[in-house]
């Protein structure tokens, strides 16, 4: 199946892109997509704990199953005051 992944803020900077098309096996979860997309990052386990995810503009858990054609967004932790 194919999904579109959109990277916000720090993910766009760390990965050097704003979005990509990702091919995954049927039954893949958000967590699996995250792990595949962030395999080059050394601190991805810490990022996973603080990241929110959305599929087709609805917040979801990392264990959520993806469907062909989904749009997955990585929403990183935000700091500020």
C-alpha atoms as a PDB file:
ATOM      1  CA  UNK A   1       0.000   0.000   0.000  1.00  0.00           C
ATOM      2  CA  UNK A   2       1.060   3.601  -0.495  1.00  0.00           C
ATOM      3  CA  UNK A   3       0.653   6.446   1.969  1.00  0.00           C
ATOM      4  CA  UNK A   4       1.684  10.092   1.941  1.00  0.00           C
ATOM      5  CA  UNK A   5       3.770  11.225   4.926  1.00  0.00           C
ATOM      6  CA  UNK A   6       3.977  14.913   5.833  1.00  0.00           C
ATOM      7  CA  UNK A   7       6.709  16.211   8.137  1.00  0.00           C
ATOM      8  CA  UNK A   8       6.196  19.305  10.294  1.00  0.00           C
ATOM      9  CA  UNK A   9       8.848  21.529  11.899  1.00  0.00           C
ATOM     10  CA  UNK A  10      11.827  19.600  13.288  1.00  0.00           C
ATOM     11  CA  UNK A  11      11.037  16.481  11.235  1.00  0.00           C
ATOM     12  CA  UNK A  12      11.232  18.466   8.028  1.00  0.00           C
ATOM     13  CA  UNK A  13      14.588  19.877   9.136  1.00  0.00           C
ATOM     14  CA  UNK A  14      16.034  16.557  10.358  1.00  0.00           C
ATOM     15  CA  UNK A  15      14.909  14.542   7.342  1.00  0.00           C
ATOM     16  CA  UNK A  16      15.500  17.252   4.722  1.00  0.00           C
ATOM     17  CA  UNK A  17      12.025  17.036   3.183  1.00  0.00           C
ATOM     18  CA  UNK A  18       8.467  18.174   3.824  1.00  0.00           C
ATOM     19  CA  UNK A  19       6.721  15.054   2.541  1.00  0.00           C
ATOM     20  CA  UNK A  20       7.203  11.733   0.832  1.00  0.00           C
ATOM     21  CA  UNK A  21       5.300   8.789  -0.571  1.00  0.00           C
ATOM     22  CA  UNK A  22       5.893   5.630   1.421  1.00  0.00           C
ATOM     23  CA  UNK A  23       5.237   2.051   0.358  1.00  0.00           C
ATOM     24  CA  UNK A  24       4.286  -0.282   3.217  1.00  0.00           C
ATOM     25  CA  UNK A  25       2.968  -3.821   3.651  1.00  0.00           C
ATOM     26  CA  UNK A  26      -0.741  -4.282   4.370  1.00  0.00           C
ATOM     27  CA  UNK A  27      -1.339  -4.227   8.132  1.00  0.00           C
ATOM     28  CA  UNK A  28       1.367  -1.619   8.805  1.00  0.00           C
ATOM     29  CA  UNK A  29       0.885   0.675  11.789  1.00  0.00           C
ATOM     30  CA  UNK A  30       1.708   4.321  12.334  1.00  0.00           C
ATOM     31  CA  UNK A  31       4.625   3.240  14.530  1.00  0.00           C
ATOM     32  CA  UNK A  32       6.073   1.076  11.759  1.00  0.00           C
ATOM     33  CA  UNK A  33       5.816   3.981   9.308  1.00  0.00           C
ATOM     34  CA  UNK A  34       7.514   6.259  11.859  1.00  0.00           C
ATOM     35  CA  UNK A  35      10.338   3.774  12.360  1.00  0.00           C
ATOM     36  CA  UNK A  36      10.840   3.377   8.615  1.00  0.00           C
ATOM     37  CA  UNK A  37      10.816   7.130   7.972  1.00  0.00           C
ATOM     38  CA  UNK A  38      13.123   8.015  10.870  1.00  0.00           C
ATOM     39  CA  UNK A  39      15.621   5.155  10.634  1.00  0.00           C
ATOM     40  CA  UNK A  40      18.490   7.637  10.120  1.00  0.00           C
ATOM     41  CA  UNK A  41      17.778   9.527  13.367  1.00  0.00           C
ATOM     42  CA  UNK A  42      19.716   8.488  16.454  1.00  0.00           C
ATOM     43  CA  UNK A  43      17.172   9.926  18.908  1.00  0.00           C
ATOM     44  CA  UNK A  44      14.022   8.589  17.269  1.00  0.00           C
ATOM     45  CA  UNK A  45      12.871   6.608  20.328  1.00  0.00           C
ATOM     46  CA  UNK A  46      12.774   9.830  22.358  1.00  0.00           C
ATOM     47  CA  UNK A  47      11.048  11.669  19.519  1.00  0.00           C
ATOM     48  CA  UNK A  48       8.423   8.927  19.243  1.00  0.00           C
ATOM     49  CA  UNK A  49       7.434   9.436  22.889  1.00  0.00           C
ATOM     50  CA  UNK A  50       6.765  13.144  22.304  1.00  0.00           C
ATOM     51  CA  UNK A  51       5.268  13.042  18.798  1.00  0.00           C
ATOM     52  CA  UNK A  52       1.600  13.231  17.902  1.00  0.00           C
ATOM     53  CA  UNK A  53       0.287  11.590  14.751  1.00  0.00           C
ATOM     54  CA  UNK A  54      -2.679  12.303  12.525  1.00  0.00           C
ATOM     55  CA  UNK A  55      -4.192  10.266   9.730  1.00  0.00           C
ATOM     56  CA  UNK A  56      -6.391  12.168   7.314  1.00  0.00           C
ATOM     57  CA  UNK A  57      -6.573  15.110   9.778  1.00  0.00           C
ATOM     58  CA  UNK A  58      -7.592  13.015  12.819  1.00  0.00           C
ATOM     59  CA  UNK A  59      -5.266  12.336  15.758  1.00  0.00           C
ATOM     60  CA  UNK A  60      -4.354   8.668  16.163  1.00  0.00           C
ATOM     61  CA  UNK A  61      -2.228   6.403  18.343  1.00  0.00           C
ATOM     62  CA  UNK A  62       1.016   4.817  17.070  1.00  0.00           C
ATOM     63  CA  UNK A  63      -0.728   1.430  17.067  1.00  0.00           C
ATOM     64  CA  UNK A  64      -3.331   2.587  14.514  1.00  0.00           C
ATOM     65  CA  UNK A  65      -3.428   0.587  11.274  1.00  0.00           C
ATOM     66  CA  UNK A  66      -2.772   2.476   8.051  1.00  0.00           C
ATOM     67  CA  UNK A  67      -4.828   2.109   4.885  1.00  0.00           C
ATOM     68  CA  UNK A  68      -3.821   2.575   1.266  1.00  0.00           C
ATOM     69  CA  UNK A  69      -4.033   6.256   0.334  1.00  0.00           C
ATOM     70  CA  UNK A  70      -3.839   7.585   3.905  1.00  0.00           C
ATOM     71  CA  UNK A  71      -2.130  10.889   4.666  1.00  0.00           C
ATOM     72  CA  UNK A  72       0.014  10.528   7.798  1.00  0.00           C
ATOM     73  CA  UNK A  73       1.354  13.606   9.588  1.00  0.00           C
ATOM     74  CA  UNK A  74       4.178  13.656  12.142  1.00  0.00           C
ATOM     75  CA  UNK A  75       3.535  16.451  14.674  1.00  0.00           C
ATOM     76  CA  UNK A  76       6.673  17.020  16.749  1.00  0.00           C
ATOM     77  CA  UNK A  77       6.852  18.361  20.285  1.00  0.00           C
ATOM     78  CA  UNK A  78       6.534  22.122  20.388  1.00  0.00           C
ATOM     79  CA  UNK A  79       8.266  24.369  22.880  1.00  0.00           C
ATOM     80  CA  UNK A  80       7.780  28.014  23.532  1.00  0.00           C
ATOM     81  CA  UNK A  81       6.395  30.450  25.968  1.00  0.00           C
END
